[in-house]
All heavy atoms as atom14 arrays in JSON, in Angstrom:
{
  "sequence": "LNAQGYTQAAWWNRIPIAAWTLLIVISIFCNLLVGYSAHGRNWILL",
  "atom14_mask": [
    [1, 1, 1, 1, 1, 1, 1, 1, 0, 0, 0, 0, 0, 0],
    [1, 1, 1, 1, 1, 1, 1, 1, 0, 0, 0, 0, 0, 0],
    [1, 1, 1, 1, 1, 0, 0, 0, 0, 0, 0, 0, 0, 0],
    [1, 1, 1, 1, 1, 1, 1, 1, 1, 0, 0, 0, 0, 0],
    [1, 1, 1, 1, 0, 0, 0, 0, 0, 0, 0, 0, 0, 0],
    [1, 1, 1, 1, 1, 1, 1, 1, 1, 1, 1, 1, 0, 0],
    [1, 1, 1, 1, 1, 1, 1, 0, 0, 0, 0, 0, 0, 0],
    [1, 1, 1, 1, 1, 1, 1, 1, 1, 0, 0, 0, 0, 0],
    [1, 1, 1, 1, 1, 0, 0, 0, 0, 0, 0, 0, 0, 0],
    [1, 1, 1, 1, 1, 0, 0, 0, 0, 0, 0, 0, 0, 0],
    [1, 1, 1, 1, 1, 1, 1, 1, 1, 1, 1, 1, 1, 1],
    [1, 1, 1, 1, 1, 1, 1, 1, 1, 1, 1, 1, 1, 1],
    [1, 1, 1, 1, 1, 1, 1, 1, 0, 0, 0, 0, 0, 0],
    [1, 1, 1, 1, 1, 1, 1, 1, 1, 1, 1, 0, 0, 0],
    [1, 1, 1, 1, 1, 1, 1, 1, 0, 0, 0, 0, 0, 0],
    [1, 1, 1, 1, 1, 1, 1, 0, 0, 0, 0, 0, 0, 0],
    [1, 1, 1, 1, 1, 1, 1, 1, 0, 0, 0, 0, 0, 0],
    [1, 1, 1, 1, 1, 0, 0, 0, 0, 0, 0, 0, 0, 0],
    [1, 1, 1, 1, 1, 0, 0, 0, 0, 0, 0, 0, 0, 0],
    [1, 1, 1, 1, 1, 1, 1, 1, 1, 1, 1, 1, 1, 1],
    [1, 1, 1, 1, 1, 1, 1, 0, 0, 0, 0, 0, 0, 0],
    [1, 1, 1, 1, 1, 1, 1, 1, 0, 0, 0, 0, 0, 0],
    [1, 1, 1, 1, 1, 1, 1, 1, 0, 0, 0, 0, 0, 0],
    [1, 1, 1, 1, 1, 1, 1, 1, 0, 0, 0, 0, 0, 0],
    [1, 1, 1, 1, 1, 1, 1, 0, 0, 0, 0, 0, 0, 0],
    [1, 1, 1, 1, 1, 1, 1, 1, 0, 0, 0, 0, 0, 0],
    [1, 1, 1, 1, 1, 1, 0, 0, 0, 0, 0, 0, 0, 0],
    [1, 1, 1, 1, 1, 1, 1, 1, 0, 0, 0, 0, 0, 0],
    [1, 1, 1, 1, 1, 1, 1, 1, 1, 1, 1, 0, 0, 0],
    [1, 1, 1, 1, 1, 1, 0, 0, 0, 0, 0, 0, 0, 0],
    [1, 1, 1, 1, 1, 1, 1, 1, 0, 0, 0, 0, 0, 0],
    [1, 1, 1, 1, 1, 1, 1, 1, 0, 0, 0, 0, 0, 0],
    [1, 1, 1, 1, 1, 1, 1, 1, 0, 0, 0, 0, 0, 0],
    [1, 1, 1, 1, 1, 1, 1, 0, 0, 0, 0, 0, 0, 0],
    [1, 1, 1, 1, 0, 0, 0, 0, 0, 0, 0, 0, 0, 0],
    [1, 1, 1, 1, 1, 1, 1, 1, 1, 1, 1, 1, 0, 0],
    [1, 1, 1, 1, 1, 1, 0, 0, 0, 0, 0, 0, 0, 0],
    [1, 1, 1, 1, 1, 0, 0, 0, 0, 0, 0, 0, 0, 0],
    [1, 1, 1, 1, 1, 1, 1, 1, 1, 1, 0, 0, 0, 0],
    [1, 1, 1, 1, 0, 0, 0, 0, 0, 0, 0, 0, 0, 0],
    [1, 1, 1, 1, 1, 1, 1, 1, 1, 1, 1, 0, 0, 0],
    [1, 1, 1, 1, 1, 1, 1, 1, 0, 0, 0, 0, 0, 0],
    [1, 1, 1, 1, 1, 1, 1, 1, 1, 1, 1, 1, 1, 1],
    [1, 1, 1, 1, 1, 1, 1, 1, 0, 0, 0, 0, 0, 0],
    [1, 1, 1, 1, 1, 1, 1, 1, 0, 0, 0, 0, 0, 0],
    [1, 1, 1, 1, 1, 1, 1, 1, 0, 0, 0, 0, 0, 0]
  ],
  "atom14_positions": [
    [[15.61, -84.23, 7.14], [14.31, -84.86, 7.37], [13.32, -83.86, 7.96], [12.14, -83.83, 7.56], [14.46, -86.06, 8.3], [15.42, -87.16, 7.84], [15.43, -88.31, 8.82], [15.06, -87.66, 6.46], [0.0, 0.0, 0.0], [0.0, 0.0, 0.0], [0.0, 0.0, 0.0], [0.0, 0.0, 0.0], [0.0, 0.0, 0.0], [0.0, 0.0, 0.0]],
    [[13.79, -83.03, 8.89], [12.9, -82.03, 9.49], [12.44, -81.0, 8.47], [11.29, -80.54, 8.49], [13.6, -81.33, 10.65], [13.7, -82.21, 11.88], [12.95, -83.17, 12.04], [14.63, -81.89, 12.77], [0.0, 0.0, 0.0], [0.0, 0.0, 0.0], [0.0, 0.0, 0.0], [0.0, 0.0, 0.0], [0.0, 0.0, 0.0], [0.0, 0.0, 0.0]],
    [[13.34, -80.62, 7.55], [13.0, -79.61, 6.55], [11.85, -80.07, 5.67], [10.96, -79.28, 5.32], [14.23, -79.28, 5.7], [0.0, 0.0, 0.0], [0.0, 0.0, 0.0], [0.0, 0.0, 0.0], [0.0, 0.0, 0.0], [0.0, 0.0, 0.0], [0.0, 0.0, 0.0], [0.0, 0.0, 0.0], [0.0, 0.0, 0.0], [0.0, 0.0, 0.0]],
    [[11.85, -81.36, 5.33], [10.74, -81.87, 4.52], [9.44, -81.85, 5.3], [8.37, -81.53, 4.76], [11.07, -83.31, 4.06], [10.08, -83.86, 3.04], [8.89, -84.55, 3.67], [8.97, -84.99, 4.82], [7.78, -84.63, 2.95], [0.0, 0.0, 0.0], [0.0, 0.0, 0.0], [0.0, 0.0, 0.0], [0.0, 0.0, 0.0], [0.0, 0.0, 0.0]],
    [[9.5, -82.14, 6.6], [8.3, -82.09, 7.44], [7.75, -80.68, 7.56], [6.53, -80.46, 7.5], [0.0, 0.0, 0.0], [0.0, 0.0, 0.0], [0.0, 0.0, 0.0], [0.0, 0.0, 0.0], [0.0, 0.0, 0.0], [0.0, 0.0, 0.0], [0.0, 0.0, 0.0], [0.0, 0.0, 0.0], [0.0, 0.0, 0.0], [0.0, 0.0, 0.0]],
    [[8.64, -79.71, 7.74], [8.2, -78.31, 7.81], [7.57, -77.86, 6.49], [6.57, -77.13, 6.49], [9.38, -77.41, 8.14], [9.99, -77.65, 9.5], [11.35, -77.48, 9.73], [9.2, -78.07, 10.58], [11.91, -77.71, 10.98], [9.75, -78.29, 11.83], [11.1, -78.12, 12.03], [11.65, -78.34, 13.25], [0.0, 0.0, 0.0], [0.0, 0.0, 0.0]],
    [[8.15, -78.3, 5.38], [7.59, -77.96, 4.07], [6.2, -78.53, 3.9], [5.28, -77.83, 3.43], [8.5, -78.48, 2.94], [9.79, -77.86, 3.06], [7.92, -78.18, 1.58], [0.0, 0.0, 0.0], [0.0, 0.0, 0.0], [0.0, 0.0, 0.0], [0.0, 0.0, 0.0], [0.0, 0.0, 0.0], [0.0, 0.0, 0.0], [0.0, 0.0, 0.0]],
    [[6.02, -79.79, 4.27], [4.71, -80.42, 4.15], [3.68, -79.72, 5.02], [2.53, -79.5, 4.6], [4.81, -81.89, 4.52], [3.53, -82.69, 4.29], [3.13, -82.7, 2.84], [3.8, -83.3, 2.01], [2.02, -82.05, 2.51], [0.0, 0.0, 0.0], [0.0, 0.0, 0.0], [0.0, 0.0, 0.0], [0.0, 0.0, 0.0], [0.0, 0.0, 0.0]],
    [[4.07, -79.35, 6.24], [3.15, -78.65, 7.13], [2.75, -77.3, 6.55], [1.59, -76.87, 6.66], [3.8, -78.47, 8.5], [0.0, 0.0, 0.0], [0.0, 0.0, 0.0], [0.0, 0.0, 0.0], [0.0, 0.0, 0.0], [0.0, 0.0, 0.0], [0.0, 0.0, 0.0], [0.0, 0.0, 0.0], [0.0, 0.0, 0.0], [0.0, 0.0, 0.0]],
    [[3.7, -76.61, 5.91], [3.39, -75.31, 5.29], [2.43, -75.48, 4.13], [1.57, -74.61, 3.89], [4.68, -74.64, 4.84], [0.0, 0.0, 0.0], [0.0, 0.0, 0.0], [0.0, 0.0, 0.0], [0.0, 0.0, 0.0], [0.0, 0.0, 0.0], [0.0, 0.0, 0.0], [0.0, 0.0, 0.0], [0.0, 0.0, 0.0], [0.0, 0.0, 0.0]],
    [[2.55, -76.58, 3.38], [1.63, -76.82, 2.26], [0.23, -77.15, 2.74], [-0.76, -76.88, 2.05], [2.17, -77.93, 1.36], [3.3, -77.5, 0.5], [4.4, -76.78, 0.88], [3.45, -77.72, -0.9], [5.23, -76.56, -0.19], [4.67, -77.12, -1.3], [2.69, -78.37, -1.86], [5.14, -77.16, -2.61], [3.15, -78.42, -3.17], [4.37, -77.81, -3.54]],
    [[0.12, -77.75, 3.93], [-1.2, -78.05, 4.49], [-1.84, -76.82, 5.15], [-3.04, -76.82, 5.39], [-1.08, -79.15, 5.53], [-0.85, -80.5, 4.93], [-1.15, -80.91, 3.66], [-0.26, -81.64, 5.56], [-0.79, -82.22, 3.47], [-0.24, -82.7, 4.61], [0.25, -81.88, 6.83], [0.27, -83.96, 4.91], [0.74, -83.14, 7.14], [0.74, -84.17, 6.18]],
    [[-1.04, -75.81, 5.44], [-1.54, -74.63, 6.13], [-2.25, -73.71, 5.14], [-1.63, -72.9, 4.45], [-0.36, -73.89, 6.79], [-0.82, -72.76, 7.69], [-2.0, -72.68, 8.05], [0.1, -71.89, 8.05], [0.0, 0.0, 0.0], [0.0, 0.0, 0.0], [0.0, 0.0, 0.0], [0.0, 0.0, 0.0], [0.0, 0.0, 0.0], [0.0, 0.0, 0.0]],
    [[-3.55, -73.83, 5.06], [-4.36, -73.08, 4.09], [-5.29, -72.12, 4.83], [-5.46, -72.19, 6.04], [-5.18, -74.05, 3.24], [-4.38, -75.17, 2.56], [-3.67, -74.68, 1.34], [-4.62, -74.26, 0.33], [-5.26, -75.1, -0.49], [-5.04, -76.4, -0.44], [-6.1, -74.63, -1.4], [0.0, 0.0, 0.0], [0.0, 0.0, 0.0], [0.0, 0.0, 0.0]],
    [[-5.92, -71.23, 4.08], [-6.9, -70.32, 4.65], [-8.11, -71.14, 5.15], [-8.62, -71.98, 4.41], [-7.36, -69.29, 3.61], [-6.19, -68.38, 3.23], [-8.51, -68.44, 4.14], [-6.51, -67.39, 2.14], [0.0, 0.0, 0.0], [0.0, 0.0, 0.0], [0.0, 0.0, 0.0], [0.0, 0.0, 0.0], [0.0, 0.0, 0.0], [0.0, 0.0, 0.0]],
    [[-8.59, -70.91, 6.37], [-9.7, -71.71, 6.9], [-10.98, -71.55, 6.06], [-11.22, -70.49, 5.47], [-9.9, -71.16, 8.32], [-8.6, -70.48, 8.66], [-8.05, -69.97, 7.36], [0.0, 0.0, 0.0], [0.0, 0.0, 0.0], [0.0, 0.0, 0.0], [0.0, 0.0, 0.0], [0.0, 0.0, 0.0], [0.0, 0.0, 0.0], [0.0, 0.0, 0.0]],
    [[-11.78, -72.59, 6.04], [-13.05, -72.57, 5.32], [-13.97, -71.49, 5.88], [-14.72, -70.83, 5.13], [-13.74, -73.94, 5.4], [-12.84, -75.02, 4.74], [-15.1, -73.9, 4.7], [-12.59, -74.79, 3.28], [0.0, 0.0, 0.0], [0.0, 0.0, 0.0], [0.0, 0.0, 0.0], [0.0, 0.0, 0.0], [0.0, 0.0, 0.0], [0.0, 0.0, 0.0]],
    [[-13.92, -71.27, 7.2], [-14.77, -70.25, 7.81], [-14.46, -68.87, 7.26], [-15.37, -68.05, 7.05], [-14.6, -70.27, 9.33], [0.0, 0.0, 0.0], [0.0, 0.0, 0.0], [0.0, 0.0, 0.0], [0.0, 0.0, 0.0], [0.0, 0.0, 0.0], [0.0, 0.0, 0.0], [0.0, 0.0, 0.0], [0.0, 0.0, 0.0], [0.0, 0.0, 0.0]],
    [[-13.17, -68.59, 7.01], [-12.81, -67.28, 6.47], [-13.34, -67.11, 5.05], [-13.83, -66.04, 4.68], [-11.28, -67.13, 6.49], [0.0, 0.0, 0.0], [0.0, 0.0, 0.0], [0.0, 0.0, 0.0], [0.0, 0.0, 0.0], [0.0, 0.0, 0.0], [0.0, 0.0, 0.0], [0.0, 0.0, 0.0], [0.0, 0.0, 0.0], [0.0, 0.0, 0.0]],
    [[-13.25, -68.19, 4.25], [-13.8, -68.14, 2.89], [-15.31, -67.93, 2.91], [-15.87, -67.16, 2.13], [-13.46, -69.41, 2.13], [-12.09, -69.48, 1.6], [-11.08, -70.32, 1.99], [-11.52, -68.67, 0.54], [-9.94, -70.09, 1.26], [-10.18, -69.09, 0.37], [-12.03, -67.65, -0.24], [-9.34, -68.51, -0.57], [-11.2, -67.07, -1.19], [-9.87, -67.51, -1.34]],
    [[-15.99, -68.63, 3.83], [-17.45, -68.52, 3.92], [-17.85, -67.09, 4.28], [-18.78, -66.53, 3.67], [-17.97, -69.5, 4.96], [-17.57, -70.84, 4.62], [-19.49, -69.44, 5.03], [0.0, 0.0, 0.0], [0.0, 0.0, 0.0], [0.0, 0.0, 0.0], [0.0, 0.0, 0.0], [0.0, 0.0, 0.0], [0.0, 0.0, 0.0], [0.0, 0.0, 0.0]],
    [[-17.17, -66.52, 5.27], [-17.49, -65.16, 5.68], [-17.26, -64.17, 4.53], [-18.07, -63.27, 4.27], [-16.65, -64.76, 6.89], [-16.82, -63.34, 7.43], [-18.25, -63.15, 7.91], [-15.82, -63.06, 8.54], [0.0, 0.0, 0.0], [0.0, 0.0, 0.0], [0.0, 0.0, 0.0], [0.0, 0.0, 0.0], [0.0, 0.0, 0.0], [0.0, 0.0, 0.0]],
    [[-16.16, -64.36, 3.8], [-15.83, -63.47, 2.7], [-16.88, -63.54, 1.59], [-17.32, -62.51, 1.04], [-14.45, -63.82, 2.14], [-13.94, -63.03, 0.93], [-13.91, -61.54, 1.25], [-12.57, -63.52, 0.51], [0.0, 0.0, 0.0], [0.0, 0.0, 0.0], [0.0, 0.0, 0.0], [0.0, 0.0, 0.0], [0.0, 0.0, 0.0], [0.0, 0.0, 0.0]],
    [[-17.33, -64.74, 1.25], [-18.32, -64.92, 0.18], [-19.67, -64.35, 0.59], [-20.35, -63.67, -0.2], [-18.43, -66.4, -0.19], [-17.12, -66.88, -0.83], [-19.6, -66.63, -1.13], [-17.06, -68.37, -1.06], [0.0, 0.0, 0.0], [0.0, 0.0, 0.0], [0.0, 0.0, 0.0], [0.0, 0.0, 0.0], [0.0, 0.0, 0.0], [0.0, 0.0, 0.0]],
    [[-20.07, -64.6, 1.84], [-21.39, -64.13, 2.29], [-21.43, -62.59, 2.28], [-22.4, -61.99, 1.79], [-21.69, -64.68, 3.7], [-22.92, -63.99, 4.29], [-21.92, -66.18, 3.63], [0.0, 0.0, 0.0], [0.0, 0.0, 0.0], [0.0, 0.0, 0.0], [0.0, 0.0, 0.0], [0.0, 0.0, 0.0], [0.0, 0.0, 0.0], [0.0, 0.0, 0.0]],
    [[-20.4, -61.96, 2.82], [-20.38, -60.49, 2.85], [-20.29, -59.93, 1.43], [-20.87, -58.88, 1.12], [-19.22, -60.0, 3.73], [-19.47, -60.42, 5.18], [-19.09, -58.48, 3.64], [-18.42, -59.95, 6.15], [0.0, 0.0, 0.0], [0.0, 0.0, 0.0], [0.0, 0.0, 0.0], [0.0, 0.0, 0.0], [0.0, 0.0, 0.0], [0.0, 0.0, 0.0]],
    [[-19.56, -60.6, 0.55], [-19.49, -60.14, -0.85], [-20.86, -60.17, -1.52], [-21.23, -59.25, -2.26], [-18.51, -61.03, -1.63], [-17.2, -60.93, -1.13], [0.0, 0.0, 0.0], [0.0, 0.0, 0.0], [0.0, 0.0, 0.0], [0.0, 0.0, 0.0], [0.0, 0.0, 0.0], [0.0, 0.0, 0.0], [0.0, 0.0, 0.0], [0.0, 0.0, 0.0]],
    [[-21.63, -61.21, -1.24], [-22.98, -61.3, -1.82], [-23.86, -60.19, -1.27], [-24.61, -59.54, -2.02], [-23.59, -62.69, -1.53], [-22.82, -63.76, -2.32], [-25.06, -62.71, -1.89], [-23.27, -65.17, -2.02], [0.0, 0.0, 0.0], [0.0, 0.0, 0.0], [0.0, 0.0, 0.0], [0.0, 0.0, 0.0], [0.0, 0.0, 0.0], [0.0, 0.0, 0.0]],
    [[-23.79, -59.94, 0.04], [-24.58, -58.86, 0.62], [-24.21, -57.5, 0.04], [-25.08, -56.66, -0.25], [-24.39, -58.84, 2.15], [-25.24, -59.84, 2.87], [-24.7, -60.65, 3.83], [-26.6, -59.94, 2.58], [-25.48, -61.57, 4.5], [-27.39, -60.86, 3.25], [-26.84, -61.69, 4.21], [0.0, 0.0, 0.0], [0.0, 0.0, 0.0], [0.0, 0.0, 0.0]],
    [[-22.91, -57.28, -0.16], [-22.46, -56.0, -0.72], [-22.98, -55.81, -2.15], [-23.44, -54.72, -2.51], [-20.94, -55.93, -0.71], [-20.24, -55.6, 0.93], [0.0, 0.0, 0.0], [0.0, 0.0, 0.0], [0.0, 0.0, 0.0], [0.0, 0.0, 0.0], [0.0, 0.0, 0.0], [0.0, 0.0, 0.0], [0.0, 0.0, 0.0], [0.0, 0.0, 0.0]],
    [[-22.93, -56.85, -2.96], [-23.43, -56.74, -4.33], [-24.95, -56.54, -4.34], [-25.48, -55.81, -5.19], [-23.06, -57.98, -5.12], [-21.62, -57.98, -5.58], [-21.27, -57.36, -6.56], [-20.76, -58.68, -4.85], [0.0, 0.0, 0.0], [0.0, 0.0, 0.0], [0.0, 0.0, 0.0], [0.0, 0.0, 0.0], [0.0, 0.0, 0.0], [0.0, 0.0, 0.0]],
    [[-25.62, -57.16, -3.38], [-27.07, -56.99, -3.27], [-27.4, -55.53, -2.94], [-28.31, -54.92, -3.54], [-27.62, -57.92, -2.2], [-29.14, -58.04, -2.08], [-29.72, -58.69, -3.33], [-29.51, -58.84, -0.84], [0.0, 0.0, 0.0], [0.0, 0.0, 0.0], [0.0, 0.0, 0.0], [0.0, 0.0, 0.0], [0.0, 0.0, 0.0], [0.0, 0.0, 0.0]],
    [[-26.66, -54.95, -2.0], [-26.89, -53.56, -1.62], [-26.53, -52.58, -2.75], [-27.23, -51.6, -2.98], [-26.09, -53.23, -0.36], [-26.53, -53.94, 0.93], [-25.56, -53.64, 2.07], [-27.94, -53.52, 1.32], [0.0, 0.0, 0.0], [0.0, 0.0, 0.0], [0.0, 0.0, 0.0], [0.0, 0.0, 0.0], [0.0, 0.0, 0.0], [0.0, 0.0, 0.0]],
    [[-25.42, -52.87, -3.44], [-25.03, -52.02, -4.57], [-26.08, -52.07, -5.66], [-26.45, -51.05, -6.28], [-23.64, -52.41, -5.09], [-23.32, -51.72, -6.41], [-22.57, -52.06, -4.07], [0.0, 0.0, 0.0], [0.0, 0.0, 0.0], [0.0, 0.0, 0.0], [0.0, 0.0, 0.0], [0.0, 0.0, 0.0], [0.0, 0.0, 0.0], [0.0, 0.0, 0.0]],
    [[-26.58, -53.26, -5.95], [-27.63, -53.39, -6.96], [-28.9, -52.66, -6.55], [-29.57, -52.05, -7.38], [0.0, 0.0, 0.0], [0.0, 0.0, 0.0], [0.0, 0.0, 0.0], [0.0, 0.0, 0.0], [0.0, 0.0, 0.0], [0.0, 0.0, 0.0], [0.0, 0.0, 0.0], [0.0, 0.0, 0.0], [0.0, 0.0, 0.0], [0.0, 0.0, 0.0]],
    [[-29.19, -52.71, -5.27], [-30.39, -52.02, -4.77], [-30.23, -50.51, -4.9], [-31.19, -49.8, -5.23], [-30.64, -52.4, -3.33], [-31.94, -51.88, -2.77], [-33.11, -52.6, -2.95], [-31.99, -50.69, -2.07], [-34.32, -52.13, -2.45], [-33.18, -50.2, -1.56], [-34.35, -50.92, -1.75], [-35.53, -50.44, -1.26], [0.0, 0.0, 0.0], [0.0, 0.0, 0.0]],
    [[-29.01, -50.01, -4.63], [-28.78, -48.56, -4.73], [-28.74, -48.09, -6.17], [-29.16, -46.98, -6.5], [-27.48, -48.18, -4.02], [-26.36, -48.77, -4.69], [0.0, 0.0, 0.0], [0.0, 0.0, 0.0], [0.0, 0.0, 0.0], [0.0, 0.0, 0.0], [0.0, 0.0, 0.0], [0.0, 0.0, 0.0], [0.0, 0.0, 0.0], [0.0, 0.0, 0.0]],
    [[-28.23, -48.93, -7.1], [-28.16, -48.55, -8.51], [-29.51, -48.7, -9.2], [-29.82, -47.95, -10.14], [-27.11, -49.4, -9.23], [0.0, 0.0, 0.0], [0.0, 0.0, 0.0], [0.0, 0.0, 0.0], [0.0, 0.0, 0.0], [0.0, 0.0, 0.0], [0.0, 0.0, 0.0], [0.0, 0.0, 0.0], [0.0, 0.0, 0.0], [0.0, 0.0, 0.0]],
    [[-30.29, -49.69, -8.77], [-31.63, -50.05, -9.28], [-31.73, -49.9, -10.8], [-32.67, -49.3, -11.33], [-32.74, -49.26, -8.58], [-32.59, -47.76, -8.62], [-33.0, -47.02, -9.68], [-32.1, -46.88, -7.71], [-32.78, -45.72, -9.43], [-32.23, -45.63, -8.24], [0.0, 0.0, 0.0], [0.0, 0.0, 0.0], [0.0, 0.0, 0.0], [0.0, 0.0, 0.0]],
    [[-30.73, -50.45, -11.5], [-30.81, -50.6, -12.94], [-30.52, -49.37, -13.74], [-30.61, -49.39, -14.97], [0.0, 0.0, 0.0], [0.0, 0.0, 0.0], [0.0, 0.0, 0.0], [0.0, 0.0, 0.0], [0.0, 0.0, 0.0], [0.0, 0.0, 0.0], [0.0, 0.0, 0.0], [0.0, 0.0, 0.0], [0.0, 0.0, 0.0], [0.0, 0.0, 0.0]],
    [[-30.16, -48.27, -13.1], [-29.89, -47.05, -13.89], [-28.55, -47.13, -14.62], [-28.37, -46.51, -15.65], [-29.87, -45.83, -12.95], [-31.25, -45.49, -12.38], [-31.18, -44.33, -11.45], [-30.27, -44.59, -10.34], [-30.04, -43.72, -9.35], [-30.62, -42.52, -9.37], [-29.21, -44.02, -8.38], [0.0, 0.0, 0.0], [0.0, 0.0, 0.0], [0.0, 0.0, 0.0]],
    [[-27.63, -47.88, -14.07], [-26.31, -47.98, -14.68], [-25.84, -49.43, -14.58], [-25.38, -49.88, -13.52], [-25.33, -47.05, -13.97], [-24.02, -46.92, -14.74], [-23.7, -47.74, -15.58], [-23.26, -45.88, -14.43], [0.0, 0.0, 0.0], [0.0, 0.0, 0.0], [0.0, 0.0, 0.0], [0.0, 0.0, 0.0], [0.0, 0.0, 0.0], [0.0, 0.0, 0.0]],
    [[-25.98, -50.17, -15.67], [-25.63, -51.59, -15.64], [-24.11, -51.81, -15.53], [-23.66, -52.84, -15.05], [-26.16, -52.29, -16.89], [-27.65, -52.34, -16.9], [-28.49, -51.5, -17.55], [-28.47, -53.26, -16.2], [-29.81, -51.83, -17.31], [-29.83, -52.93, -16.47], [-28.2, -54.34, -15.35], [-30.89, -53.63, -15.94], [-29.26, -55.05, -14.82], [-30.59, -54.7, -15.12]],
    [[-23.35, -50.85, -15.99], [-21.88, -50.97, -15.83], [-21.51, -50.98, -14.36], [-20.62, -51.72, -13.93], [-21.18, -49.84, -16.6], [-21.46, -49.94, -18.09], [-19.67, -49.88, -16.33], [-20.83, -48.84, -18.91], [0.0, 0.0, 0.0], [0.0, 0.0, 0.0], [0.0, 0.0, 0.0], [0.0, 0.0, 0.0], [0.0, 0.0, 0.0], [0.0, 0.0, 0.0]],
    [[-22.19, -50.16, -13.58], [-21.92, -50.12, -12.15], [-22.19, -51.46, -11.5], [-21.5, -51.86, -10.56], [-22.78, -49.03, -11.5], [-22.62, -48.85, -9.98], [-21.19, -48.42, -9.66], [-23.61, -47.82, -9.47], [0.0, 0.0, 0.0], [0.0, 0.0, 0.0], [0.0, 0.0, 0.0], [0.0, 0.0, 0.0], [0.0, 0.0, 0.0], [0.0, 0.0, 0.0]],
    [[-23.21, -52.17, -12.0], [-23.54, -53.48, -11.44], [-22.46, -54.53, -11.76], [-22.42, -55.56, -11.12], [-24.88, -53.96, -11.98], [-26.12, -53.14, -11.59], [-27.37, -53.76, -12.16], [-26.22, -53.01, -10.07], [0.0, 0.0, 0.0], [0.0, 0.0, 0.0], [0.0, 0.0, 0.0], [0.0, 0.0, 0.0], [0.0, 0.0, 0.0], [0.0, 0.0, 0.0]]
  ]
}
C-alpha cells in the first residue's frame, strides 16, 4: 500500500510553474538579443 502512495506522489512531483516561466522569459530575451545582434544579415542564425 505504501509503495503505491510513493508512486503517486512521484507522479505528482513535477517541475514548478515558476521554473518554466523563468526559462521561457529568459529564452525570449536571448532570442531577442541574438536577433538584434544578427540584424537580418544571416537568417539561418536566427
